[in-house]
Amino acid sequence: MNKYDGVVIKKSTKVFTSMNILETTVEHNGFQGGDAGHGGYVTVTFTDLSGTSMEVNGVDFCGEQFSITFKGSTERQTFVESLQFILDELKSDVTY
């Protein structure tokens, strides 16, 4: 956890290993109230550490990384809701 201009910035990283190795990092500074101009953000970064087949907009990102950033409190909220939707959909037809 770091501070930037008095705002706490939280950053967590986790490595997921299977036949590939994917590192995922989430960095955010919590709800700041309001739109992107109020400084609130969430950034999620995916890094291929080994053998992760990834594409972004049809471009191959194997051996690389990409990030997604949402700025603003409502954008944070709808991002979280969309992640929950994705999880629900993907888990609905597969047993892990």
Protein backbone atom coordinates (compact mmCIF):
# COMPACT_ATOMS: atom_id res chain seq x y z
CA MET A 1 0.00 0.00 0.00
CA ASN A 2 1.39 3.38 -1.00
CA LYS A 3 0.23 6.96 -0.64
CA TYR A 4 0.16 9.52 -3.44
CA ASP A 5 -0.88 13.05 -2.52
CA GLY A 6 -2.40 11.67 0.69
CA VAL A 7 -4.53 9.06 -1.13
CA VAL A 8 -3.95 5.40 -0.28
CA ILE A 9 -3.12 3.33 -3.35
CA LYS A 10 -3.68 -0.40 -2.98
CA LYS A 11 -1.85 -2.85 -5.22
CA SER A 12 -2.10 -6.64 -5.14
CA THR A 13 -0.52 -9.21 -7.44
CA LYS A 14 -1.19 -12.92 -7.73
CA VAL A 15 0.31 -15.57 -10.02
CA PHE A 16 -1.95 -18.31 -11.39
CA THR A 17 -0.25 -21.51 -12.56
CA SER A 18 -1.63 -24.32 -14.70
CA MET A 19 -0.30 -25.34 -18.13
CA ASN A 20 0.33 -21.60 -18.48
CA ILE A 21 1.40 -18.98 -15.95
CA LEU A 22 -0.62 -15.76 -15.69
CA GLU A 23 0.16 -12.88 -13.35
CA THR A 24 -2.71 -10.56 -12.45
CA THR A 25 -2.27 -7.22 -10.71
CA VAL A 26 -5.01 -4.90 -9.47
CA GLU A 27 -4.23 -1.35 -8.39
CA HIS A 28 -6.79 1.14 -7.13
CA ASN A 29 -7.32 4.06 -4.80
CA GLY A 30 -10.86 3.33 -3.62
CA PHE A 31 -13.94 5.42 -4.15
CA GLN A 32 -13.06 9.09 -4.57
CA GLY A 33 -16.59 10.31 -5.26
CA GLY A 34 -17.56 11.56 -8.67
CA ASP A 35 -16.24 11.23 -12.16
CA ALA A 36 -12.74 10.57 -13.49
CA GLY A 37 -11.72 14.11 -12.62
CA HIS A 38 -11.90 13.26 -8.92
CA GLY A 39 -8.96 10.86 -9.22
CA GLY A 40 -10.59 7.48 -8.58
CA TYR A 41 -9.26 4.65 -10.71
CA VAL A 42 -8.90 0.88 -11.02
CA THR A 43 -6.19 -0.69 -13.17
CA VAL A 44 -6.01 -4.41 -13.86
CA THR A 45 -2.89 -5.78 -15.55
CA PHE A 46 -2.50 -9.25 -17.03
CA THR A 47 1.05 -10.50 -17.67
CA ASP A 48 1.93 -13.69 -19.53
CA LEU A 49 4.74 -15.31 -17.55
CA SER A 50 4.65 -18.50 -19.61
CA GLY A 51 2.47 -19.93 -22.36
CA THR A 52 -0.67 -17.81 -21.87
CA SER A 53 -2.51 -17.34 -25.15
CA MET A 54 -4.04 -13.84 -25.06
CA GLU A 55 -5.47 -11.48 -27.65
CA VAL A 56 -6.60 -7.87 -27.30
CA ASN A 57 -8.74 -6.54 -30.14
CA GLY A 58 -7.51 -9.42 -32.27
CA VAL A 59 -3.82 -8.73 -31.62
CA ASP A 60 -1.70 -11.53 -30.13
CA PHE A 61 -0.27 -10.65 -26.70
CA CYS A 62 1.56 -13.91 -25.90
CA GLY A 63 4.69 -13.13 -23.91
CA GLU A 64 3.45 -9.64 -23.14
CA GLN A 65 1.09 -7.77 -20.86
CA PHE A 66 -1.89 -5.48 -21.15
CA SER A 67 -3.78 -3.26 -18.73
CA ILE A 68 -7.34 -2.00 -18.39
CA THR A 69 -8.03 1.22 -16.47
CA PHE A 70 -11.39 2.58 -15.38
CA LYS A 71 -11.55 6.12 -13.97
CA GLY A 72 -14.39 7.41 -11.80
CA SER A 73 -16.61 5.96 -9.09
CA THR A 74 -19.49 4.82 -11.29
CA GLU A 75 -17.03 3.33 -13.77
CA ARG A 76 -15.50 1.37 -10.88
CA GLN A 77 -18.96 0.17 -9.86
CA THR A 78 -20.00 -0.94 -13.34
CA PHE A 79 -16.58 -2.61 -13.86
CA VAL A 80 -17.09 -4.67 -10.69
CA GLU A 81 -20.63 -5.55 -11.79
CA SER A 82 -19.38 -6.60 -15.23
CA LEU A 83 -16.67 -8.78 -13.65
CA GLN A 84 -19.33 -10.49 -11.53
CA PHE A 85 -21.42 -11.09 -14.67
CA ILE A 86 -18.38 -12.62 -16.41
CA LEU A 87 -17.66 -14.89 -13.42
CA ASP A 88 -21.27 -16.03 -13.17
CA GLU A 89 -21.41 -16.82 -16.88
CA LEU A 90 -18.09 -18.69 -17.03
CA LYS A 91 -18.77 -20.72 -13.87
CA SER A 92 -22.31 -21.65 -14.95
CA ASP A 93 -21.22 -24.37 -17.36
CA VAL A 94 -17.90 -25.63 -15.95
CA THR A 95 -17.05 -27.51 -12.77
CA TYR A 96 -13.64 -26.58 -11.38
